[in-house]
Amino acid sequence: MTATMVPRGALLTVAIVGLALPGTGSAAALPSPSRDLRAAAAPERELRPAQRITLPGGTVVKRYQQRVVGAPVLGAQAVTQRAPGAPAQLAADTTRARIEVPSSSQLSRERAVAIARASVGSLRLRGPISAKLAIQPGHGGRLVWRILIPAAHPLGDFEVLVDAGSGEVVARNDLLRRFRTGAAMLYKVNPVVQHGGASRLWSDRHDHDTRLLRHLRRRVRLPNLESGQHCLRGRWVHALRGHRERETCKPDLHWMKTTRSDNRFEALMVYFQINRSQQYVQSLGFSDSNSSPNGIADHVQRAVADAYRQDNSFYSPVTHTVTFGLGGVDDAEDGDVILHEYAHAMQDSESRAFGRSLAFQPAALAEGSSDYWAAAMSSLTPKTSNEDDVCIFDWDATSYGKFFPKVPSETSGRHCGRRADVTRTFDQAKSRCRRVPFGGRFVPDPHCVGEVWSSALWSMRRRFVARAHAKGGARMDRVYLASQFLYTAKESFKDAGNALLCADEDLRPHGTPGDCHGRDYSLIHRELHRRGILG
């Protein structure tokens, strides 16, 4: 990282607005229409290349969009295919003949959007609205505004067609798949957090139920389950269990009597925690449903609870699967473990180079970042304390963690796998953390060094909350997530610190554009300097 931070800011805009998908290319880079299209209904002059794909066997598929005076004709495409050594042929054609040249729009974009929002009763959005002119085929064609509304309330991805002349709503559709909601009795974080300490919770009891462990469960909703089926397959999570990766199913989607002695319990915990995590990410404005997609792990995450007997869990960047072990305390009984591992999947989604790096500092940053995400998500659970949030893995760590005495308002002390409130600086961590084998050499434990990063982020978050109360935590989490779009395979702590400053400037501009001095520059820079991350 050089002294100037303008490149970080410039990159951020590109990263958050949306990245080109590999293998698709732009329309301008694709070949022009050819003799392949002679059988299409539309004149060849109206067909514009939209996509070119080579299938594994070598067949080339080309897709063309019908446009009239630059406006796309809705649903009007031609698809050709050409197998190796064979002539091209028209595989599909939904284009229209005799589309009339549309007159100019008499309705402004702003008015069309207002009409569309009123037609679906959209009170709150999940992302920006898209509005573009298009032609609705039929009777020569009608010029319409095609408006896409990613609504949070009512939930839906609404496509609304508004006549560009009269303002009439001519079509309205919800593009979201329909989902159902299940229910279960689970730990919102883990038993220690629910209990306010580890009193009478010093042992896993070999996965057996106890009266206390049953009592500490809370009723939770399991939203976004796919309709037409009755298993833990949803919009953002597919939760499986066991080394044979079994489904967890129930016709009414209600698992109210399932307890921790039943292995379905861990699969339910995985579904609940990953789904709520992605819902929160979406609420912060990161979604592939936005007109400029910027989703973070915005897909169905495959996750397997109780997959093997080791006391370890991990995210695999090769299989894109989160796997949880059942040694000691079953890892998937602790929300901190689930959210920590899912945070690694989020990092891989934001920057593949960073998520798959084998370098020491990126590894430490990745562990610290994932610990921070577990702490932040814990803080969003009602009635949790700071001790609940900063003590990472306080249920899973009962068999291996370091003991921390109780603090006021807690019922007892607890064991923590790691903490997100250490006071060490970066240099102190490098000298004090035990050395472990890493990449063929011995280095300070990346998990231990990562505590400096998670604690710096957590300290910033507490200051954001003190300054803006309920909005402060979300503001910090947006900066944190946005910054990770900028990470590289050789990301250093200093680079990551500068990325935070540039993300803050991009989200809350202030002063000279591009200088990475946003509205919260002083707060962020002060903490990074105190930790020895920035000079």
Protein backbone atom coordinates (compact mmCIF):
# COMPACT_ATOMS: atom_id res chain seq x y z
CA MET A 1 0.00 0.00 0.00
CA THR A 2 1.50 3.33 -1.08
CA ALA A 3 1.00 6.63 0.72
CA THR A 4 -1.85 7.65 -1.56
CA MET A 5 -5.12 5.78 -1.12
CA VAL A 6 -6.94 7.03 -4.21
CA PRO A 7 -6.60 3.70 -6.09
CA ARG A 8 -8.39 1.92 -3.24
CA GLY A 9 -11.30 4.33 -3.52
CA ALA A 10 -11.43 4.04 -7.28
CA LEU A 11 -11.45 0.26 -7.10
CA LEU A 12 -14.20 0.24 -4.51
CA THR A 13 -16.70 1.87 -6.84
CA VAL A 14 -16.01 -0.78 -9.47
CA ALA A 15 -16.20 -3.65 -6.99
CA ILE A 16 -19.44 -2.64 -5.32
CA VAL A 17 -21.27 -1.56 -8.47
CA GLY A 18 -20.70 -4.97 -10.04
CA LEU A 19 -18.08 -7.03 -11.79
CA ALA A 20 -18.26 -8.46 -15.32
CA LEU A 21 -18.97 -12.17 -15.32
CA PRO A 22 -16.23 -14.31 -16.86
CA GLY A 23 -17.05 -15.91 -20.17
CA THR A 24 -19.97 -13.64 -21.10
CA GLY A 25 -18.29 -10.54 -22.50
CA SER A 26 -20.04 -7.37 -23.62
CA ALA A 27 -22.42 -7.19 -26.55
CA ALA A 28 -19.97 -5.03 -28.48
CA ALA A 29 -17.33 -7.76 -28.27
CA LEU A 30 -19.58 -10.47 -29.68
CA PRO A 31 -19.92 -11.33 -33.36
CA SER A 32 -22.59 -9.69 -35.50
CA PRO A 33 -25.74 -11.53 -36.60
CA SER A 34 -25.06 -13.95 -39.44
CA ARG A 35 -26.80 -16.29 -41.84
CA ASP A 36 -27.67 -18.42 -38.78
CA LEU A 37 -30.65 -16.12 -38.25
CA ARG A 38 -32.35 -16.23 -41.65
CA ALA A 39 -35.25 -18.25 -40.22
CA ALA A 40 -35.89 -15.84 -37.31
CA ALA A 41 -39.18 -13.94 -37.32
CA ALA A 42 -37.53 -10.55 -36.75
CA PRO A 43 -35.43 -8.81 -39.40
CA GLU A 44 -31.71 -9.44 -38.91
CA ARG A 45 -31.06 -5.70 -38.52
CA GLU A 46 -33.06 -5.79 -35.26
CA LEU A 47 -31.04 -8.64 -33.69
CA ARG A 48 -28.13 -7.72 -31.45
CA PRO A 49 -25.62 -10.20 -29.95
CA ALA A 50 -26.27 -10.71 -26.25
CA GLN A 51 -24.25 -13.77 -25.25
CA ARG A 52 -21.86 -16.38 -26.62
CA ILE A 53 -21.12 -19.61 -24.73
CA THR A 54 -19.01 -22.64 -25.70
CA LEU A 55 -20.34 -25.84 -24.13
CA PRO A 56 -17.94 -28.54 -22.83
CA GLY A 57 -18.36 -30.60 -26.01
CA GLY A 58 -17.44 -27.65 -28.20
CA THR A 59 -20.92 -26.59 -29.34
CA VAL A 60 -21.17 -22.79 -29.62
CA VAL A 61 -24.44 -21.23 -28.42
CA LYS A 62 -25.24 -17.65 -29.42
CA ARG A 63 -28.10 -15.59 -28.04
CA TYR A 64 -29.49 -12.50 -29.78
CA GLN A 65 -31.81 -9.83 -28.38
CA GLN A 66 -34.34 -8.09 -30.59
CA ARG A 67 -34.07 -4.30 -30.37
CA VAL A 68 -35.95 -1.56 -32.19
CA VAL A 69 -34.33 1.88 -32.16
CA GLY A 70 -32.22 0.72 -29.23
CA ALA A 71 -35.12 -0.42 -27.03
CA PRO A 72 -35.24 -4.16 -26.22
CA VAL A 73 -38.38 -6.07 -27.19
CA LEU A 74 -39.42 -7.93 -24.06
CA GLY A 75 -39.08 -11.71 -24.29
CA ALA A 76 -37.85 -11.50 -27.90
CA GLN A 77 -34.67 -13.52 -28.38
CA ALA A 78 -33.18 -15.87 -30.93
CA VAL A 79 -30.77 -18.67 -29.99
CA THR A 80 -28.48 -20.46 -32.42
CA GLN A 81 -26.22 -23.46 -31.87
CA ARG A 82 -23.31 -24.78 -33.92
CA ALA A 83 -21.79 -28.17 -33.11
CA PRO A 84 -18.14 -28.79 -34.11
CA GLY A 85 -17.97 -29.49 -37.85
CA ALA A 86 -21.69 -28.84 -38.36
CA PRO A 87 -23.54 -25.82 -39.75
CA ALA A 88 -25.22 -23.42 -37.37
CA GLN A 89 -28.94 -23.76 -36.85
CA LEU A 90 -31.66 -21.74 -35.17
CA ALA A 91 -32.44 -23.51 -31.89
CA ALA A 92 -35.12 -21.17 -30.51
CA ASP A 93 -36.88 -18.03 -31.70
CA THR A 94 -39.25 -15.79 -29.73
CA THR A 95 -38.62 -12.67 -31.81
CA ARG A 96 -41.50 -10.76 -33.38
CA ALA A 97 -42.11 -9.57 -36.91
CA ARG A 98 -43.39 -6.08 -37.69
CA ILE A 99 -42.59 -4.29 -34.43
CA GLU A 100 -43.35 -0.63 -35.05
CA VAL A 101 -40.85 2.11 -34.23
CA PRO A 102 -42.06 3.50 -30.88
CA SER A 103 -42.75 7.16 -30.26
CA SER A 104 -40.79 8.92 -27.53
CA SER A 105 -41.82 8.54 -23.90
CA GLN A 106 -44.31 11.07 -22.54
CA LEU A 107 -43.75 9.84 -18.99
CA SER A 108 -40.65 10.72 -16.98
CA ARG A 109 -38.62 8.02 -15.27
CA GLU A 110 -39.42 9.48 -11.84
CA ARG A 111 -43.16 9.45 -12.48
CA ALA A 112 -43.04 5.90 -13.84
CA VAL A 113 -41.16 4.68 -10.74
CA ALA A 114 -43.70 6.38 -8.45
CA ILE A 115 -46.57 4.69 -10.28
CA ALA A 116 -44.84 1.30 -10.12
CA ARG A 117 -44.09 1.56 -6.38
CA ALA A 118 -47.67 2.56 -5.64
CA SER A 119 -48.96 -0.40 -7.64
CA VAL A 120 -47.10 -2.94 -5.45
CA GLY A 121 -47.42 -1.01 -2.17
CA SER A 122 -43.64 -0.93 -1.71
CA LEU A 123 -42.87 0.79 1.60
CA ARG A 124 -39.24 -0.29 2.03
CA LEU A 125 -36.54 -1.39 -0.42
CA ARG A 126 -33.70 -3.93 -0.31
CA GLY A 127 -31.69 -2.12 -2.98
CA PRO A 128 -31.85 0.42 -5.83
CA ILE A 129 -34.73 0.45 -8.33
CA SER A 130 -33.98 -0.18 -12.02
CA ALA A 131 -36.11 1.61 -14.66
CA LYS A 132 -35.48 1.33 -18.42
CA LEU A 133 -37.52 1.82 -21.57
CA ALA A 134 -38.54 -1.32 -23.46
CA ILE A 135 -41.11 -2.50 -25.99
CA GLN A 136 -43.95 -4.79 -25.01
CA PRO A 137 -44.78 -6.87 -28.10
CA GLY A 138 -48.29 -7.30 -29.48
CA HIS A 139 -50.38 -5.15 -31.81
CA GLY A 140 -47.25 -3.56 -33.25
CA GLY A 141 -45.60 -2.99 -29.89
CA ARG A 142 -46.06 -0.62 -26.97
CA LEU A 143 -43.31 1.54 -25.40
CA VAL A 144 -43.18 0.88 -21.66
CA TRP A 145 -41.02 1.59 -18.66
CA ARG A 146 -39.75 -1.74 -17.29
CA ILE A 147 -39.24 -1.16 -13.59
CA LEU A 148 -37.60 -3.67 -11.21
CA ILE A 149 -38.33 -3.09 -7.52
CA PRO A 150 -36.35 -5.12 -4.91
CA ALA A 151 -38.90 -4.57 -2.14
CA ALA A 152 -38.32 -5.46 1.51
CA HIS A 153 -41.93 -4.83 2.50
CA PRO A 154 -43.83 -6.48 1.00
CA LEU A 155 -40.98 -8.87 0.17
CA GLY A 156 -40.59 -9.37 -3.55
CA ASP A 157 -38.63 -8.62 -6.71
CA PHE A 158 -41.41 -6.87 -8.57
CA GLU A 159 -41.32 -6.30 -12.34
CA VAL A 160 -43.80 -3.57 -13.29
CA LEU A 161 -44.49 -2.43 -16.85
CA VAL A 162 -45.84 1.12 -17.08
CA ASP A 163 -47.13 2.52 -20.39
CA ALA A 164 -44.68 5.30 -21.32
CA GLY A 165 -47.49 7.36 -22.82
CA SER A 166 -50.52 6.99 -20.56
CA GLY A 167 -48.92 5.90 -17.29
CA GLU A 168 -51.14 2.82 -17.14
CA VAL A 169 -49.75 -0.25 -15.33
CA VAL A 170 -49.92 -2.91 -18.05
CA ALA A 171 -48.23 -5.81 -16.20
CA ARG A 172 -47.00 -6.67 -12.73
CA ASN A 173 -45.04 -9.78 -11.71
CA ASP A 174 -43.07 -10.98 -8.70
CA LEU A 175 -39.80 -12.55 -9.86
CA LEU A 176 -38.95 -14.04 -6.47
CA ARG A 177 -39.48 -17.70 -5.91
CA ARG A 178 -42.11 -18.40 -3.28
CA PHE A 179 -40.91 -19.52 0.11
CA ARG A 180 -42.37 -21.01 3.28
CA THR A 181 -41.51 -20.51 6.94
CA GLY A 182 -40.73 -23.30 9.39
CA ALA A 183 -40.27 -23.22 13.16
CA ALA A 184 -38.04 -24.85 15.76
CA MET A 185 -36.79 -24.51 19.34
CA LEU A 186 -33.07 -23.64 19.08
CA TYR A 187 -30.27 -21.65 20.73
CA LYS A 188 -30.32 -18.14 19.30
CA VAL A 189 -26.55 -18.05 19.86
CA ASN A 190 -25.58 -20.91 22.18
CA PRO A 191 -26.51 -22.24 25.66
CA VAL A 192 -23.87 -20.15 27.47
CA VAL A 193 -25.16 -16.91 25.95
CA GLN A 194 -28.77 -17.86 26.67
CA HIS A 195 -27.77 -18.59 30.30
CA GLY A 196 -25.63 -15.48 30.87
CA GLY A 197 -22.61 -17.61 31.73
CA ALA A 198 -21.45 -21.20 31.90
CA SER A 199 -22.84 -22.13 35.32
CA ARG A 200 -23.95 -25.80 35.15
CA LEU A 201 -22.78 -25.85 31.52
CA TRP A 202 -19.17 -26.96 31.99
CA SER A 203 -19.63 -30.19 30.03
CA ASP A 204 -21.16 -31.28 26.75
CA ARG A 205 -22.55 -34.37 28.55
CA HIS A 206 -21.84 -36.41 25.42
CA ASP A 207 -24.68 -34.80 23.45
CA HIS A 208 -27.33 -35.86 25.97
CA ASP A 209 -30.27 -33.64 26.88
CA THR A 210 -30.58 -32.07 30.31
CA ARG A 211 -33.43 -30.11 31.77
CA LEU A 212 -31.35 -26.91 31.58
CA LEU A 213 -30.25 -27.44 27.98
CA ARG A 214 -33.83 -28.06 26.90
CA HIS A 215 -35.01 -25.00 28.83
CA LEU A 216 -32.44 -22.70 27.17
CA ARG A 217 -33.90 -23.27 23.71
CA ARG A 218 -35.94 -20.45 22.20
CA ARG A 219 -38.69 -20.52 19.57
CA VAL A 220 -37.32 -19.30 16.24
CA ARG A 221 -38.70 -18.93 12.73
CA LEU A 222 -37.04 -20.62 9.75
CA PRO A 223 -37.98 -18.40 6.80
CA ASN A 224 -37.10 -18.66 3.11
CA LEU A 225 -37.65 -22.41 2.82
CA GLU A 226 -38.42 -23.37 -0.77
CA SER A 227 -42.07 -24.11 -1.40
CA GLY A 228 -43.03 -27.45 -2.91
CA GLN A 229 -40.75 -29.44 -0.59
CA HIS A 230 -40.42 -30.00 3.17
CA CYS A 231 -36.68 -30.10 3.90
CA LEU A 232 -34.04 -27.54 4.98
CA ARG A 233 -33.52 -26.23 1.46
CA GLY A 234 -34.02 -22.51 1.17
CA ARG A 235 -33.17 -19.34 -0.66
CA TRP A 236 -29.72 -19.04 0.91
CA VAL A 237 -29.05 -22.33 2.71
CA HIS A 238 -29.21 -26.06 2.04
CA ALA A 239 -28.52 -27.69 5.41
CA LEU A 240 -27.56 -31.37 5.48
CA ARG A 241 -26.32 -33.64 8.28
CA GLY A 242 -23.95 -36.53 8.86
CA HIS A 243 -21.18 -38.01 6.73
CA ARG A 244 -23.87 -39.34 4.38
CA GLU A 245 -25.27 -35.80 4.03
CA ARG A 246 -28.85 -36.62 4.84
CA GLU A 247 -31.74 -34.21 4.43
CA THR A 248 -33.71 -32.91 7.42
CA CYS A 249 -37.39 -32.97 6.51
CA LYS A 250 -40.82 -32.64 8.09
CA PRO A 251 -44.12 -32.22 6.22
CA ASP A 252 -45.29 -29.24 8.31
CA LEU A 253 -41.76 -27.72 8.61
CA HIS A 254 -42.18 -27.54 12.40
CA TRP A 255 -39.41 -29.08 14.53
CA MET A 256 -40.59 -27.78 17.92
CA LYS A 257 -39.83 -31.00 19.82
CA THR A 258 -36.36 -31.56 18.35
CA THR A 259 -33.61 -31.27 20.98
CA ARG A 260 -29.81 -31.38 20.86
CA SER A 261 -29.70 -35.15 21.39
CA ASP A 262 -31.27 -35.46 17.92
CA ASN A 263 -28.79 -34.80 15.09
CA ARG A 264 -31.46 -32.87 13.21
CA PHE A 265 -30.98 -30.15 15.83
CA GLU A 266 -27.53 -29.20 14.48
CA ALA A 267 -28.84 -29.00 10.89
CA LEU A 268 -31.62 -26.71 12.10
CA MET A 269 -29.06 -24.51 13.87
CA VAL A 270 -27.01 -24.26 10.68
CA TYR A 271 -30.04 -23.26 8.61
CA PHE A 272 -31.19 -20.70 11.17
CA GLN A 273 -27.81 -18.98 11.62
CA ILE A 274 -26.74 -18.81 7.97
CA ASN A 275 -30.17 -17.62 6.84
CA ARG A 276 -30.27 -14.81 9.43
CA SER A 277 -26.72 -13.83 8.53
CA GLN A 278 -27.57 -13.48 4.83
CA GLN A 279 -30.80 -11.64 5.65
CA TYR A 280 -28.72 -9.10 7.57
CA VAL A 281 -26.22 -8.77 4.70
CA GLN A 282 -29.15 -8.11 2.35
CA SER A 283 -30.58 -5.48 4.71
CA LEU A 284 -27.25 -3.61 4.51
CA GLY A 285 -27.70 -3.20 0.75
CA PHE A 286 -25.58 -6.07 -0.59
CA SER A 287 -27.72 -8.13 -2.98
CA ASP A 288 -27.54 -9.66 -6.42
CA SER A 289 -31.12 -8.43 -6.89
CA ASN A 290 -29.85 -4.85 -7.11
CA SER A 291 -29.73 -3.24 -10.54
CA SER A 292 -25.95 -3.36 -10.13
CA PRO A 293 -25.45 -6.72 -8.38
CA ASN A 294 -23.19 -6.53 -5.33
CA GLY A 295 -24.27 -9.63 -3.40
CA ILE A 296 -22.03 -11.32 -0.83
CA ALA A 297 -22.48 -15.12 -0.88
CA ASP A 298 -25.93 -14.35 -2.33
CA HIS A 299 -26.65 -17.95 -3.30
CA VAL A 300 -27.69 -21.23 -1.74
CA GLN A 301 -24.90 -22.14 0.68
CA ARG A 302 -24.36 -25.85 1.08
CA ALA A 303 -23.64 -26.71 4.73
CA VAL A 304 -23.21 -30.08 6.45
CA ALA A 305 -23.62 -30.47 10.23
CA ASP A 306 -22.07 -33.36 12.19
CA ALA A 307 -20.10 -34.35 9.11
CA TYR A 308 -17.24 -36.09 10.91
CA ARG A 309 -15.97 -36.83 14.43
CA GLN A 310 -13.14 -34.30 14.65
CA ASP A 311 -13.52 -31.12 16.71
CA ASN A 312 -13.04 -28.87 13.72
CA SER A 313 -15.11 -27.01 11.14
CA PHE A 314 -14.17 -25.33 7.88
CA TYR A 315 -15.30 -23.69 4.66
CA SER A 316 -14.00 -25.34 1.48
CA PRO A 317 -13.34 -22.89 -1.39
CA VAL A 318 -13.14 -25.87 -3.77
CA THR A 319 -16.52 -27.47 -2.98
CA HIS A 320 -18.09 -24.22 -1.66
CA THR A 321 -19.34 -26.21 1.33
CA VAL A 322 -19.28 -25.35 5.04
CA THR A 323 -18.59 -28.47 7.10
CA PHE A 324 -19.03 -28.86 10.87
CA GLY A 325 -17.45 -31.49 13.12
CA LEU A 326 -18.93 -33.14 16.21
CA GLY A 327 -15.85 -33.69 18.39
CA GLY A 328 -16.29 -32.30 21.92
CA VAL A 329 -19.31 -30.01 21.74
CA ASP A 330 -20.98 -30.46 18.35
CA ASP A 331 -19.71 -27.38 16.48
CA ALA A 332 -23.08 -26.69 14.90
CA GLU A 333 -24.65 -26.23 18.34
CA ASP A 334 -22.70 -22.98 18.72
CA GLY A 335 -23.89 -20.07 16.60
CA ASP A 336 -20.43 -18.46 16.85
CA VAL A 337 -18.87 -21.42 15.03
CA ILE A 338 -21.52 -21.43 12.31
CA LEU A 339 -21.23 -17.69 11.69
CA HIS A 340 -17.42 -17.73 11.79
CA GLU A 341 -17.25 -20.38 9.07
CA TYR A 342 -19.94 -18.69 6.99
CA ALA A 343 -17.88 -15.49 7.17
CA HIS A 344 -15.08 -17.36 5.36
CA ALA A 345 -17.58 -18.19 2.61
CA MET A 346 -18.45 -14.48 2.44
CA GLN A 347 -14.76 -13.56 2.09
CA ASP A 348 -14.38 -16.07 -0.74
CA SER A 349 -17.41 -14.52 -2.43
CA GLU A 350 -16.06 -10.96 -2.14
CA SER A 351 -12.46 -11.70 -3.14
CA ARG A 352 -11.52 -15.16 -4.39
CA ALA A 353 -7.83 -14.20 -4.31
CA PHE A 354 -8.04 -13.27 -0.63
CA GLY A 355 -10.29 -16.16 0.38
CA ARG A 356 -7.82 -18.66 -1.11
CA SER A 357 -4.56 -16.97 -0.15
CA LEU A 358 -1.81 -19.04 1.49
CA ALA A 359 0.04 -16.01 2.91
CA PHE A 360 0.34 -15.33 6.65
CA GLN A 361 -1.23 -11.88 6.98
CA PRO A 362 -4.27 -12.67 4.79
CA ALA A 363 -4.81 -15.80 6.92
CA ALA A 364 -4.70 -13.77 10.14
CA LEU A 365 -7.03 -11.13 8.68
CA ALA A 366 -9.45 -13.84 7.55
CA GLU A 367 -9.62 -15.38 11.03
CA GLY A 368 -10.01 -12.02 12.75
CA SER A 369 -12.65 -10.92 10.29
CA SER A 370 -14.64 -14.11 10.83
CA ASP A 371 -14.44 -13.70 14.61
CA TYR A 372 -15.71 -10.15 14.24
CA TRP A 373 -18.68 -11.33 12.18
CA ALA A 374 -19.61 -13.85 14.89
CA ALA A 375 -19.43 -11.07 17.50
CA ALA A 376 -21.48 -8.65 15.38
CA MET A 377 -24.20 -11.22 14.73
CA SER A 378 -24.30 -12.12 18.43
CA SER A 379 -24.85 -8.44 19.25
CA LEU A 380 -27.92 -8.41 16.99
CA THR A 381 -29.55 -11.07 19.16
CA PRO A 382 -31.87 -9.49 21.77
CA LYS A 383 -30.67 -9.41 25.38
CA THR A 384 -27.04 -10.30 24.73
CA SER A 385 -24.24 -8.53 26.59
CA ASN A 386 -20.83 -7.34 25.45
CA GLU A 387 -19.31 -10.38 27.18
CA ASP A 388 -21.58 -12.67 25.16
CA ASP A 389 -20.46 -10.98 21.95
CA VAL A 390 -16.68 -10.76 22.43
CA CYS A 391 -16.26 -14.27 23.87
CA ILE A 392 -16.05 -16.31 20.68
CA PHE A 393 -17.17 -19.98 20.79
CA ASP A 394 -18.25 -19.79 24.46
CA TRP A 395 -20.15 -23.11 24.20
CA ASP A 396 -17.84 -25.01 21.87
CA ALA A 397 -14.82 -23.88 23.93
CA THR A 398 -16.00 -25.51 27.18
CA SER A 399 -13.62 -28.38 26.41
CA TYR A 400 -10.56 -26.39 25.30
CA GLY A 401 -10.93 -22.62 25.81
CA LYS A 402 -9.27 -20.26 28.28
CA PHE A 403 -11.34 -19.42 31.36
CA PHE A 404 -12.44 -15.82 31.93
CA PRO A 405 -14.02 -14.86 35.29
CA LYS A 406 -17.52 -13.44 35.35
CA VAL A 407 -18.14 -9.73 34.85
CA PRO A 408 -21.05 -7.75 36.34
CA SER A 409 -24.52 -8.93 35.29
CA GLU A 410 -23.20 -12.36 34.22
CA THR A 411 -24.19 -15.44 36.24
CA SER A 412 -20.72 -17.00 36.00
CA GLY A 413 -17.46 -17.01 34.10
CA ARG A 414 -16.95 -18.88 30.86
CA HIS A 415 -14.37 -20.37 28.53
CA CYS A 416 -13.61 -18.55 25.29
CA GLY A 417 -11.98 -19.96 22.19
CA ARG A 418 -10.83 -16.44 21.29
CA ARG A 419 -11.74 -12.88 22.25
CA ALA A 420 -12.68 -9.81 20.21
CA ASP A 421 -11.58 -7.35 22.90
CA VAL A 422 -7.84 -7.95 23.33
CA THR A 423 -5.63 -4.88 23.84
CA ARG A 424 -2.54 -6.15 21.99
CA THR A 425 -1.05 -4.23 19.09
CA PHE A 426 -0.10 -5.90 15.84
CA ASP A 427 3.62 -5.99 16.75
CA GLN A 428 2.88 -7.34 20.24
CA ALA A 429 0.79 -10.14 18.77
CA LYS A 430 3.54 -11.14 16.34
CA SER A 431 6.01 -11.44 19.21
CA ARG A 432 3.73 -12.97 21.88
CA CYS A 433 1.52 -15.41 19.99
CA ARG A 434 2.86 -18.95 19.94
CA ARG A 435 4.49 -20.01 16.72
CA VAL A 436 2.88 -22.71 14.61
CA PRO A 437 3.80 -24.44 11.33
CA PHE A 438 2.33 -22.54 8.39
CA GLY A 439 3.25 -22.90 4.72
CA GLY A 440 6.47 -24.79 5.46
CA ARG A 441 7.71 -22.40 8.17
CA PHE A 442 6.87 -21.37 11.73
CA VAL A 443 4.90 -18.16 12.18
CA PRO A 444 2.81 -16.58 14.96
CA ASP A 445 -0.57 -18.34 15.15
CA PRO A 446 -2.82 -16.57 12.60
CA HIS A 447 -5.84 -17.10 14.88
CA CYS A 448 -4.04 -15.32 17.72
CA VAL A 449 -2.77 -12.47 15.53
CA GLY A 450 -6.24 -12.23 14.05
CA GLU A 451 -7.57 -11.21 17.47
CA VAL A 452 -5.89 -7.83 16.92
CA TRP A 453 -7.99 -7.31 13.80
CA SER A 454 -11.29 -8.54 15.29
CA SER A 455 -10.70 -6.41 18.41
CA ALA A 456 -9.90 -3.31 16.34
CA LEU A 457 -13.10 -3.79 14.33
CA TRP A 458 -15.13 -4.42 17.48
CA SER A 459 -13.72 -1.31 19.18
CA MET A 460 -14.70 0.76 16.12
CA ARG A 461 -18.17 -0.78 16.15
CA ARG A 462 -18.73 0.16 19.78
CA ARG A 463 -17.75 3.75 19.01
CA PHE A 464 -20.08 3.78 16.00
CA VAL A 465 -22.90 2.54 18.26
CA ALA A 466 -22.08 5.16 20.92
CA ARG A 467 -22.26 7.83 18.25
CA ALA A 468 -25.35 6.68 16.32
CA HIS A 469 -27.01 4.10 18.63
CA ALA A 470 -28.98 1.47 16.68
CA LYS A 471 -27.75 2.72 13.28
CA GLY A 472 -24.11 2.71 14.34
CA GLY A 473 -23.61 -1.05 14.29
CA ALA A 474 -25.12 -1.38 10.82
CA ARG A 475 -22.99 1.52 9.59
CA MET A 476 -19.80 -0.15 10.77
CA ASP A 477 -20.83 -3.52 9.35
CA ARG A 478 -21.45 -1.94 5.92
CA VAL A 479 -17.96 -0.40 5.97
CA TYR A 480 -16.44 -3.72 7.04
CA LEU A 481 -18.22 -5.71 4.31
CA ALA A 482 -17.57 -3.13 1.59
CA SER A 483 -13.85 -3.04 2.41
CA GLN A 484 -13.42 -6.76 1.76
CA PHE A 485 -14.26 -6.29 -1.92
CA LEU A 486 -10.83 -4.65 -2.15
CA TYR A 487 -8.78 -7.45 -0.60
CA THR A 488 -6.01 -9.17 -2.54
CA ALA A 489 -4.06 -12.43 -2.19
CA LYS A 490 -1.26 -10.48 -0.47
CA GLU A 491 -3.49 -8.34 1.76
CA SER A 492 -1.57 -6.90 4.71
CA PHE A 493 -3.01 -5.46 7.90
CA LYS A 494 -2.03 -2.00 6.63
CA ASP A 495 -3.79 -2.64 3.29
CA ALA A 496 -6.91 -3.82 5.12
CA GLY A 497 -6.85 -0.71 7.30
CA ASN A 498 -6.66 1.52 4.24
CA ALA A 499 -9.49 -0.46 2.65
CA LEU A 500 -11.70 0.39 5.66
CA LEU A 501 -10.94 4.08 5.21
CA CYS A 502 -11.70 3.95 1.48
CA ALA A 503 -14.94 2.03 2.07
CA ASP A 504 -16.02 4.64 4.61
CA GLU A 505 -15.26 7.41 2.10
CA ASP A 506 -17.23 5.64 -0.61
CA LEU A 507 -20.27 5.06 1.63
CA ARG A 508 -20.16 8.43 3.44
CA PRO A 509 -18.25 10.90 1.24
CA HIS A 510 -16.72 13.96 2.84
CA GLY A 511 -14.18 16.50 1.59
CA THR A 512 -12.07 15.76 -1.46
CA PRO A 513 -13.48 12.87 -3.53
CA GLY A 514 -11.21 9.83 -3.70
CA ASP A 515 -8.88 10.73 -0.81
CA CYS A 516 -10.32 8.02 1.50
CA HIS A 517 -11.16 10.59 4.16
CA GLY A 518 -14.84 9.86 4.75
CA ARG A 519 -17.05 11.17 7.53
CA ASP A 520 -15.77 8.59 10.01
CA TYR A 521 -12.11 8.86 9.03
CA SER A 522 -10.94 10.08 12.45
CA LEU A 523 -12.70 7.28 14.35
CA ILE A 524 -11.36 4.53 12.10
CA HIS A 525 -7.85 5.93 11.71
CA ARG A 526 -7.45 6.52 15.45
CA GLU A 527 -8.15 2.85 16.25
CA LEU A 528 -5.92 1.56 13.45
CA HIS A 529 -3.09 3.80 14.62
CA ARG A 530 -3.54 2.69 18.24
CA ARG A 531 -3.22 -0.94 17.15
CA GLY A 532 -0.07 -0.28 15.16
CA ILE A 533 -1.87 -1.21 11.94
CA LEU A 534 -1.38 2.22 10.38
CA GLY A 535 1.53 4.48 11.24
